[in-house]
Amino acid sequence: LRASASHWVSGLIDEVAIWNRALSVLEVDSVYNNGVPEVQVELPPLEVRVFEGDFPVAVQGDTVSLRWEVNKDATITIEPGVGDVTGISEFGVGSTDVTVDQTTTFTINLTRDAESLSATTRVVALEGVATGWHALENFDSLAVGPIAGQGGWKNPDGQATVVNCVNNKVLGFDGGNDLNALQLRSRTLEEGQQATLFFRVHSSSEDVDSQIGINVGLTDKPIRFVGDFTGDVGPYVRVERATAATPANLLARNGNAMPYDTAAMTIDTDTVYNIWIDIENGVNNLPTSVGDTYTVHMAPEGGTRTTLFTGYASDRNPAGSVDLGLPKPYLDSLLAAAINVALTGQGVDNVLLDDFYISTVGSYNTTVPIAAGSFEKAVEGPTMDISLTGGEITISWPAGTLESAPTIDGAFNPVAGAAAPSHTFTPTEMQQYYRVSQ
């Protein structure tokens, strides 16, 4: 089965069975007329296949949908404050909306006769968010490393990563052609609806020679291959640097198969930029339809907001494609991907994204949802190992300068002849202190 739903069949299947021999004509006729004979099977053990919120974060006082997939014959309860949800589950699958007034760990409990099983999921309540915004992702609740499999993120091509910064976490990319998208679930933008997508972008001065190609926006396309998103995407913008040692640019397309337009405002290194995309999900599966439209604004953090593209038509092709079919009437994925079309490469984590929010449906929002966190990558401290063999001491460390001093508060000086990854010597002093500096 493909990971992408692009080639799935929309239908219902029932009464699947396998025999260990060929059936006779009469037996086939009986199955056709009477269905599969009842077979007594052993009940599978209790299992919580899925229990999670649509998003791991929510603005304080906002609602989040909890979703679960468990055994169809279990009694299901959720605490705190939800109770028995067996009646709103279908074959063990269901969802319910809960209000998150504070950071909460929810517990799902399954019972069946004498059996029981529990699992938990945590939703973090975000304080101090401006009115009219709903949180999609700030990455702080995710584990550092590959984002695939975390929350509602899909990463079928390349690798997107959660990067640890000084006081928060952000999204980075592993060099380029990294397809990554977040399922919008309860925040899906339906046809005829309007909303503003907000996010932040930062490019590092530590890597000004590599090229950049980052696409961010909303799409209805299945998240399948990188090649599906070189164009015909939806309402989105592109952060691009095609020439080394120059600022990045913000690009946008006005209509299907149109060339990119370049904003007058550049994206300088070591500067945090706020980007707002005002999106209207229009009819986009008719030959005469304009489709989705969008307007883009940008501001350096704390600076003046500037409108860069106004009333642009999405580049989505109303004719669709043979592979993926016609455009769908809803925008159900947040695309945040490195799509390096015609570029030769992109540095690892040299472009970072953070703070994805969407406004209340039906209105655009001009405010900044929340103050920016840090985009300075956290540096892991050096590690040291020490071992004693036959009267000799070996100190091992991955990088940096090995230093020593006779007392803990003494003057540390480089150890003569010592170089990573190890230094072996015969001790001549009663005590000596060592450290690694980077």
Protein backbone atom coordinates (compact mmCIF):
# COMPACT_ATOMS: atom_id res chain seq x y z
CA LEU A 1 0.00 0.00 0.00
CA ARG A 2 1.38 3.37 -0.96
CA ALA A 3 2.18 5.79 1.85
CA SER A 4 0.41 8.49 -0.15
CA ALA A 5 -3.35 8.33 -0.63
CA SER A 6 -2.98 9.50 -4.24
CA HIS A 7 -3.65 6.02 -5.69
CA TRP A 8 -5.94 4.59 -3.05
CA VAL A 9 -9.47 3.47 -3.86
CA SER A 10 -12.32 5.24 -2.09
CA GLY A 11 -14.65 2.40 -1.19
CA LEU A 12 -15.71 -0.15 1.38
CA ILE A 13 -14.46 -3.74 1.69
CA ASP A 14 -16.09 -6.38 3.85
CA GLU A 15 -15.99 -10.15 4.46
CA VAL A 16 -12.41 -10.80 3.43
CA ALA A 17 -11.33 -14.42 3.93
CA ILE A 18 -8.66 -16.85 2.79
CA TRP A 19 -9.11 -20.61 2.37
CA ASN A 20 -6.20 -23.02 2.40
CA ARG A 21 -7.55 -24.81 -0.69
CA ALA A 22 -9.47 -24.07 -3.87
CA LEU A 23 -13.25 -23.86 -3.41
CA SER A 24 -15.66 -25.95 -5.44
CA VAL A 25 -18.24 -24.34 -7.69
CA LEU A 26 -20.97 -25.08 -5.14
CA GLU A 27 -18.91 -23.52 -2.33
CA VAL A 28 -18.25 -20.40 -4.39
CA ASP A 29 -21.97 -20.16 -5.09
CA SER A 30 -22.71 -20.49 -1.37
CA VAL A 31 -20.26 -17.71 -0.47
CA TYR A 32 -21.77 -15.50 -3.17
CA ASN A 33 -25.31 -16.00 -1.91
CA ASN A 34 -24.79 -16.40 1.82
CA GLY A 35 -21.56 -14.58 2.58
CA VAL A 36 -18.42 -15.84 4.26
CA PRO A 37 -19.17 -18.57 6.80
CA GLU A 38 -18.82 -17.46 10.38
CA VAL A 39 -15.41 -18.33 11.76
CA GLN A 40 -14.59 -18.33 15.44
CA VAL A 41 -11.39 -16.36 15.87
CA GLU A 42 -9.37 -15.52 18.94
CA LEU A 43 -9.78 -11.92 20.02
CA PRO A 44 -6.66 -9.82 19.43
CA PRO A 45 -5.09 -8.22 22.52
CA LEU A 46 -6.10 -4.70 23.44
CA GLU A 47 -4.11 -2.14 21.47
CA VAL A 48 -4.03 1.64 21.17
CA ARG A 49 -2.95 2.13 17.58
CA VAL A 50 -3.51 5.90 17.59
CA PHE A 51 -4.21 8.37 20.38
CA GLU A 52 -3.18 11.96 19.70
CA GLY A 53 -4.34 15.53 19.35
CA ASP A 54 -4.59 17.07 15.91
CA PHE A 55 -1.68 19.23 17.02
CA PRO A 56 0.63 18.88 20.05
CA VAL A 57 0.04 22.54 20.93
CA ALA A 58 -3.03 24.76 21.27
CA VAL A 59 -3.58 28.38 22.15
CA GLN A 60 -4.74 28.57 25.76
CA GLY A 61 -8.55 28.36 25.80
CA ASP A 62 -8.70 26.98 22.25
CA THR A 63 -10.07 23.57 21.25
CA VAL A 64 -8.12 20.65 19.88
CA SER A 65 -9.43 17.42 18.39
CA LEU A 66 -8.38 14.20 20.11
CA ARG A 67 -8.35 11.18 17.77
CA TRP A 68 -8.08 7.49 18.56
CA GLU A 69 -7.94 4.13 16.84
CA VAL A 70 -8.34 1.13 19.15
CA ASN A 71 -10.04 -2.28 19.32
CA LYS A 72 -13.60 -2.15 18.03
CA ASP A 73 -14.96 -4.27 20.90
CA ALA A 74 -13.43 -2.28 23.78
CA THR A 75 -15.12 0.18 26.13
CA ILE A 76 -13.30 3.51 25.71
CA THR A 77 -12.96 6.38 28.17
CA ILE A 78 -10.77 9.49 28.09
CA GLU A 79 -9.69 11.53 31.09
CA PRO A 80 -9.67 14.23 32.30
CA GLY A 81 -13.00 15.75 31.52
CA VAL A 82 -14.09 13.70 28.50
CA GLY A 83 -15.51 10.45 29.85
CA ASP A 84 -16.94 7.49 27.93
CA VAL A 85 -16.47 7.86 24.17
CA THR A 86 -17.50 4.35 23.13
CA GLY A 87 -20.76 5.71 21.74
CA ILE A 88 -19.00 8.17 19.39
CA SER A 89 -16.51 5.55 18.16
CA GLU A 90 -17.11 3.56 15.00
CA PHE A 91 -15.25 0.25 14.91
CA GLY A 92 -12.90 1.66 17.55
CA VAL A 93 -12.16 4.86 15.62
CA GLY A 94 -13.32 8.29 16.72
CA SER A 95 -12.57 11.88 17.62
CA THR A 96 -13.82 14.59 19.95
CA ASP A 97 -13.05 18.25 20.56
CA VAL A 98 -11.71 19.35 23.94
CA THR A 99 -10.92 22.79 25.33
CA VAL A 100 -7.33 23.24 26.47
CA ASP A 101 -7.18 25.77 29.30
CA GLN A 102 -3.83 24.49 30.53
CA THR A 103 -1.18 22.01 29.43
CA THR A 104 -2.89 18.65 29.83
CA THR A 105 -1.92 15.00 29.59
CA PHE A 106 -4.96 13.05 28.36
CA THR A 107 -5.32 9.33 29.11
CA ILE A 108 -7.33 6.87 27.04
CA ASN A 109 -8.51 3.74 28.90
CA LEU A 110 -9.63 0.54 27.20
CA THR A 111 -11.50 -2.22 29.01
CA ARG A 112 -12.81 -5.56 27.75
CA ASP A 113 -13.95 -8.14 30.29
CA ALA A 114 -10.99 -8.50 32.65
CA GLU A 115 -8.51 -6.81 30.28
CA SER A 116 -7.48 -3.16 30.45
CA LEU A 117 -4.98 -0.91 28.70
CA SER A 118 -4.11 2.81 28.86
CA ALA A 119 -2.13 5.30 26.80
CA THR A 120 -1.47 9.04 27.08
CA THR A 121 -0.99 12.07 24.86
CA ARG A 122 0.00 15.61 25.87
CA VAL A 123 -1.30 18.92 24.55
CA VAL A 124 0.65 22.05 25.49
CA ALA A 125 -1.36 25.24 26.10
CA LEU A 126 0.38 28.32 24.70
CA GLU A 127 0.00 31.53 26.67
CA GLY A 128 0.27 35.08 25.37
CA VAL A 129 -0.93 34.39 21.82
CA ALA A 130 -2.67 37.30 20.08
CA THR A 131 -6.42 37.08 19.56
CA GLY A 132 -7.68 35.32 16.44
CA TRP A 133 -4.79 32.87 15.95
CA HIS A 134 -4.76 29.07 16.20
CA ALA A 135 -1.51 27.14 16.67
CA LEU A 136 -0.42 24.63 14.04
CA GLU A 137 3.16 23.94 15.19
CA ASN A 138 5.98 25.53 17.17
CA PHE A 139 8.11 22.33 17.34
CA ASP A 140 8.86 22.70 21.06
CA SER A 141 6.86 19.56 21.92
CA LEU A 142 8.64 17.42 19.31
CA ALA A 143 11.82 15.40 19.74
CA VAL A 144 15.03 16.75 18.21
CA GLY A 145 15.87 14.83 15.05
CA PRO A 146 13.86 13.58 12.05
CA ILE A 147 10.31 14.91 12.05
CA ALA A 148 8.83 11.93 10.19
CA GLY A 149 6.23 10.17 12.35
CA GLN A 150 5.89 13.03 14.83
CA GLY A 151 2.43 14.54 15.18
CA GLY A 152 0.67 14.96 11.87
CA TRP A 153 3.89 15.48 9.87
CA LYS A 154 4.57 13.56 6.67
CA ASN A 155 8.14 13.39 5.32
CA PRO A 156 8.16 10.80 2.51
CA ASP A 157 11.14 12.25 0.58
CA GLY A 158 14.44 13.48 2.00
CA GLN A 159 14.60 14.48 5.65
CA ALA A 160 13.21 17.42 7.59
CA THR A 161 14.49 17.78 11.13
CA VAL A 162 13.55 19.34 14.44
CA VAL A 163 16.53 21.53 15.37
CA ASN A 164 17.41 22.52 18.93
CA CYS A 165 17.99 26.25 19.41
CA VAL A 166 18.98 28.19 22.52
CA ASN A 167 15.49 28.46 24.04
CA ASN A 168 13.17 26.69 21.60
CA LYS A 169 13.03 24.29 18.64
CA VAL A 170 12.59 25.00 14.94
CA LEU A 171 12.33 23.18 11.60
CA GLY A 172 15.35 22.58 9.37
CA PHE A 173 16.13 20.57 6.24
CA ASP A 174 18.80 18.03 5.45
CA GLY A 175 20.34 19.63 2.41
CA GLY A 176 17.51 19.83 -0.12
CA ASN A 177 14.67 18.00 -1.89
CA ASP A 178 13.09 17.28 1.48
CA LEU A 179 9.33 16.92 1.05
CA ASN A 180 7.59 17.72 4.32
CA ALA A 181 4.01 18.62 5.16
CA LEU A 182 1.63 18.85 8.12
CA GLN A 183 -1.90 17.45 7.96
CA LEU A 184 -4.26 20.31 8.81
CA ARG A 185 -7.03 17.98 9.99
CA SER A 186 -9.54 20.14 11.92
CA ARG A 187 -7.87 23.30 10.54
CA THR A 188 -8.44 22.30 6.91
CA LEU A 189 -9.49 25.29 4.79
CA GLU A 190 -12.70 24.41 2.97
CA GLU A 191 -13.81 25.80 -0.38
CA GLY A 192 -15.00 29.41 -0.10
CA GLN A 193 -13.21 30.00 3.22
CA GLN A 194 -10.54 32.60 4.00
CA ALA A 195 -7.70 32.57 6.50
CA THR A 196 -4.16 33.85 7.09
CA LEU A 197 -1.19 31.51 7.37
CA PHE A 198 1.66 32.91 9.51
CA PHE A 199 5.22 31.60 9.89
CA ARG A 200 8.80 32.74 10.49
CA VAL A 201 11.94 32.20 8.42
CA HIS A 202 15.63 32.70 9.19
CA SER A 203 18.73 32.06 7.07
CA SER A 204 22.17 31.73 8.64
CA SER A 205 25.30 33.71 7.80
CA GLU A 206 27.31 30.58 8.64
CA ASP A 207 26.40 29.20 5.21
CA VAL A 208 26.13 31.89 2.53
CA ASP A 209 27.62 29.85 -0.33
CA SER A 210 24.95 27.19 -0.70
CA GLN A 211 21.76 27.74 -2.66
CA ILE A 212 18.32 27.86 -1.05
CA GLY A 213 14.92 26.64 -2.21
CA ILE A 214 12.14 26.45 0.42
CA ASN A 215 8.41 26.30 -0.43
CA VAL A 216 5.80 27.18 2.22
CA GLY A 217 2.04 27.40 1.82
CA LEU A 218 -1.17 25.37 1.67
CA THR A 219 -1.97 22.59 -0.78
CA ASP A 220 -4.60 20.00 -1.54
CA LYS A 221 -2.17 17.64 -3.30
CA PRO A 222 -1.25 14.25 -1.81
CA ILE A 223 2.16 14.34 -0.12
CA ARG A 224 3.89 11.79 -2.34
CA PHE A 225 7.11 12.77 -4.16
CA VAL A 226 9.29 15.90 -4.23
CA GLY A 227 8.74 16.09 -7.99
CA ASP A 228 5.02 16.70 -7.45
CA PHE A 229 5.78 20.10 -5.90
CA THR A 230 8.03 21.78 -8.45
CA GLY A 231 4.87 23.60 -9.53
CA ASP A 232 1.06 23.26 -9.55
CA VAL A 233 1.09 23.47 -5.75
CA GLY A 234 -1.50 25.96 -4.52
CA PRO A 235 -1.18 29.28 -2.66
CA TYR A 236 2.45 29.33 -1.50
CA VAL A 237 5.69 31.34 -1.46
CA ARG A 238 9.26 30.31 -2.19
CA VAL A 239 12.37 31.41 -0.31
CA GLU A 240 15.21 31.16 -2.82
CA ARG A 241 18.88 32.02 -3.19
CA ALA A 242 20.21 30.98 -6.58
CA THR A 243 23.53 32.86 -6.34
CA ALA A 244 26.01 32.34 -3.51
CA ALA A 245 26.87 35.17 -1.12
CA THR A 246 23.66 37.09 -1.86
CA PRO A 247 20.52 37.61 0.21
CA ALA A 248 17.65 35.20 -0.33
CA ASN A 249 14.52 36.36 -2.13
CA LEU A 250 10.82 35.76 -1.61
CA LEU A 251 9.11 34.53 -4.78
CA ALA A 252 5.49 33.92 -5.77
CA ARG A 253 3.59 32.75 -8.86
CA ASN A 254 0.51 34.48 -10.23
CA GLY A 255 -1.38 31.71 -12.02
CA ASN A 256 -0.70 28.22 -13.31
CA ALA A 257 2.62 27.65 -15.11
CA MET A 258 3.57 31.30 -14.65
CA PRO A 259 7.16 32.32 -13.83
CA TYR A 260 8.07 33.43 -10.34
CA ASP A 261 7.82 37.10 -9.42
CA THR A 262 10.48 38.38 -7.01
CA ALA A 263 9.59 40.57 -4.04
CA ALA A 264 11.31 43.92 -3.72
CA MET A 265 12.25 43.05 -0.12
CA THR A 266 15.12 40.59 0.43
CA ILE A 267 15.65 38.06 3.21
CA ASP A 268 18.97 38.96 4.79
CA THR A 269 20.99 36.51 6.86
CA ASP A 270 20.74 36.39 10.65
CA THR A 271 17.43 38.28 10.56
CA VAL A 272 14.08 36.83 11.60
CA TYR A 273 11.28 37.53 9.12
CA ASN A 274 7.54 37.21 9.77
CA ILE A 275 5.45 36.17 6.76
CA TRP A 276 1.66 36.36 6.41
CA ILE A 277 -0.18 34.69 3.51
CA ASP A 278 -3.84 35.74 3.19
CA ILE A 279 -5.54 32.83 1.41
CA GLU A 280 -8.99 32.43 -0.12
CA ASN A 281 -9.83 28.88 -1.11
CA GLY A 282 -11.71 29.39 -4.37
CA VAL A 283 -13.20 26.97 -6.87
CA ASN A 284 -10.24 25.49 -8.72
CA ASN A 285 -11.51 22.45 -10.63
CA LEU A 286 -13.30 24.26 -13.43
CA PRO A 287 -11.55 25.32 -16.68
CA THR A 288 -12.83 28.89 -16.26
CA SER A 289 -12.18 29.25 -12.52
CA VAL A 290 -9.53 31.52 -11.05
CA GLY A 291 -9.01 29.09 -8.18
CA ASP A 292 -7.34 29.97 -4.90
CA THR A 293 -6.08 33.52 -4.47
CA TYR A 294 -3.55 34.92 -2.01
CA THR A 295 -1.79 38.06 -0.83
CA VAL A 296 1.63 38.05 0.88
CA HIS A 297 3.07 40.37 3.51
CA MET A 298 6.49 40.29 5.22
CA ALA A 299 8.27 42.12 8.02
CA PRO A 300 11.54 41.73 9.88
CA GLU A 301 10.81 40.83 13.50
CA GLY A 302 9.79 44.08 15.20
CA GLY A 303 9.82 45.96 11.88
CA THR A 304 7.24 47.36 9.46
CA ARG A 305 4.96 44.95 7.60
CA THR A 306 5.13 45.33 3.82
CA THR A 307 2.68 43.92 1.27
CA LEU A 308 4.72 42.18 -1.44
CA PHE A 309 2.21 40.32 -3.65
CA THR A 310 -1.47 41.28 -3.93
CA GLY A 311 -4.39 39.22 -5.24
CA TYR A 312 -2.26 36.52 -6.86
CA ALA A 313 -3.94 33.46 -8.35
CA SER A 314 -2.70 30.07 -7.17
CA ASP A 315 -0.53 28.11 -9.59
CA ARG A 316 -2.79 25.05 -9.18
CA ASN A 317 -3.85 23.61 -12.56
CA PRO A 318 -7.66 23.16 -12.68
CA ALA A 319 -7.15 20.26 -15.10
CA GLY A 320 -5.20 18.34 -12.45
CA SER A 321 -3.00 15.48 -13.60
CA VAL A 322 -3.32 11.89 -14.76
CA ASP A 323 -1.51 10.70 -11.65
CA LEU A 324 -3.22 12.75 -8.96
CA GLY A 325 -6.54 13.63 -10.52
CA LEU A 326 -8.44 16.92 -10.22
CA PRO A 327 -7.74 19.46 -7.47
CA LYS A 328 -9.71 18.81 -4.31
CA PRO A 329 -12.08 21.46 -2.93
CA TYR A 330 -10.15 21.80 0.33
CA LEU A 331 -6.62 22.80 1.36
CA ASP A 332 -5.67 20.10 3.83
CA SER A 333 -1.87 20.24 4.11
CA LEU A 334 0.67 22.81 5.22
CA LEU A 335 3.63 22.44 2.86
CA ALA A 336 6.99 23.32 4.43
CA ALA A 337 9.57 21.69 2.16
CA ALA A 338 12.96 22.11 0.53
CA ILE A 339 12.22 21.87 -3.21
CA ASN A 340 15.51 22.60 -4.95
CA VAL A 341 14.36 22.98 -8.53
CA ALA A 342 17.32 23.63 -10.83
CA LEU A 343 19.57 24.29 -7.82
CA THR A 344 22.77 22.41 -7.11
CA GLY A 345 22.40 21.97 -3.37
CA GLN A 346 21.41 23.43 -0.05
CA GLY A 347 23.27 23.46 3.23
CA VAL A 348 22.03 21.42 6.16
CA ASP A 349 19.75 23.46 8.45
CA ASN A 350 20.94 26.77 6.99
CA VAL A 351 17.30 27.85 6.61
CA LEU A 352 15.05 27.49 9.66
CA LEU A 353 11.26 27.85 9.99
CA ASP A 354 9.16 28.33 13.12
CA ASP A 355 5.81 29.39 14.60
CA PHE A 356 3.15 28.18 12.18
CA TYR A 357 -0.25 29.69 13.00
CA ILE A 358 -3.53 30.03 11.10
CA SER A 359 -6.14 32.69 11.72
CA THR A 360 -9.78 32.11 12.59
CA VAL A 361 -11.58 31.06 9.41
CA GLY A 362 -13.49 33.87 7.72
CA SER A 363 -11.07 36.72 8.39
CA TYR A 364 -7.49 37.74 7.70
CA ASN A 365 -5.23 38.65 10.61
CA THR A 366 -2.54 41.33 10.49
CA THR A 367 -1.11 40.85 13.98
CA VAL A 368 1.95 38.89 15.12
CA PRO A 369 0.69 35.81 17.00
CA ILE A 370 3.58 35.56 19.43
CA ALA A 371 7.10 36.95 19.88
CA ALA A 372 9.88 35.11 18.09
CA GLY A 373 12.06 32.61 19.88
CA SER A 374 15.72 31.99 19.21
CA PHE A 375 17.14 30.84 15.88
CA GLU A 376 20.62 30.40 17.33
CA LYS A 377 21.40 26.69 17.26
CA ALA A 378 22.21 25.21 20.63
CA VAL A 379 25.78 23.94 20.79
CA GLU A 380 26.21 20.65 22.57
CA GLY A 381 29.05 20.76 25.08
CA PRO A 382 32.13 18.58 24.52
CA THR A 383 32.30 15.18 26.17
CA MET A 384 35.28 13.46 27.77
CA ASP A 385 36.14 9.88 28.71
CA ILE A 386 39.00 8.74 30.93
CA SER A 387 40.47 5.26 31.34
CA LEU A 388 43.45 3.69 33.13
CA THR A 389 45.45 0.89 31.53
CA GLY A 390 48.74 -0.46 32.90
CA GLY A 391 49.62 2.73 34.74
CA GLU A 392 48.79 4.97 31.77
CA ILE A 393 45.85 7.34 31.57
CA THR A 394 43.95 7.88 28.30
CA ILE A 395 41.64 10.88 27.92
CA SER A 396 39.31 10.80 24.90
CA TRP A 397 37.25 13.67 23.44
CA PRO A 398 35.73 14.30 19.96
CA ALA A 399 37.01 17.82 19.25
CA GLY A 400 38.50 20.93 20.84
CA THR A 401 41.59 21.65 22.92
CA LEU A 402 42.54 19.56 25.94
CA GLU A 403 43.61 21.79 28.82
CA SER A 404 44.89 21.06 32.34
CA ALA A 405 45.52 22.78 35.68
CA PRO A 406 46.93 21.65 39.05
CA THR A 407 43.82 22.85 40.95
CA ILE A 408 40.14 23.15 40.03
CA ASP A 409 40.32 26.94 40.18
CA GLY A 410 43.81 27.18 38.74
CA ALA A 411 44.99 28.50 35.39
CA PHE A 412 44.14 25.98 32.63
CA ASN A 413 46.66 25.67 29.81
CA PRO A 414 46.75 23.52 26.66
CA VAL A 415 48.32 20.09 27.21
CA ALA A 416 51.49 19.82 25.12
CA GLY A 417 51.19 17.26 22.32
CA ALA A 418 47.52 16.49 23.03
CA ALA A 419 45.16 16.30 20.06
CA ALA A 420 41.65 14.86 19.59
CA PRO A 421 40.42 12.18 19.66
CA SER A 422 42.66 10.95 22.51
CA HIS A 423 45.76 11.61 24.57
CA THR A 424 47.67 8.93 26.56
CA PHE A 425 50.25 9.73 29.26
CA THR A 426 51.82 8.46 32.47
CA PRO A 427 50.71 10.58 35.46
CA THR A 428 53.49 12.28 37.42
CA GLU A 429 51.46 14.46 39.78
CA MET A 430 49.31 13.56 42.79
CA GLN A 431 46.36 15.37 41.19
CA GLN A 432 45.62 17.15 37.92
CA TYR A 433 42.42 18.61 36.43
CA TYR A 434 41.47 18.45 32.76
CA ARG A 435 38.89 20.11 30.58
CA VAL A 436 38.08 20.51 26.89
CA SER A 437 37.46 23.93 25.40
CA GLN A 438 35.86 24.64 22.01
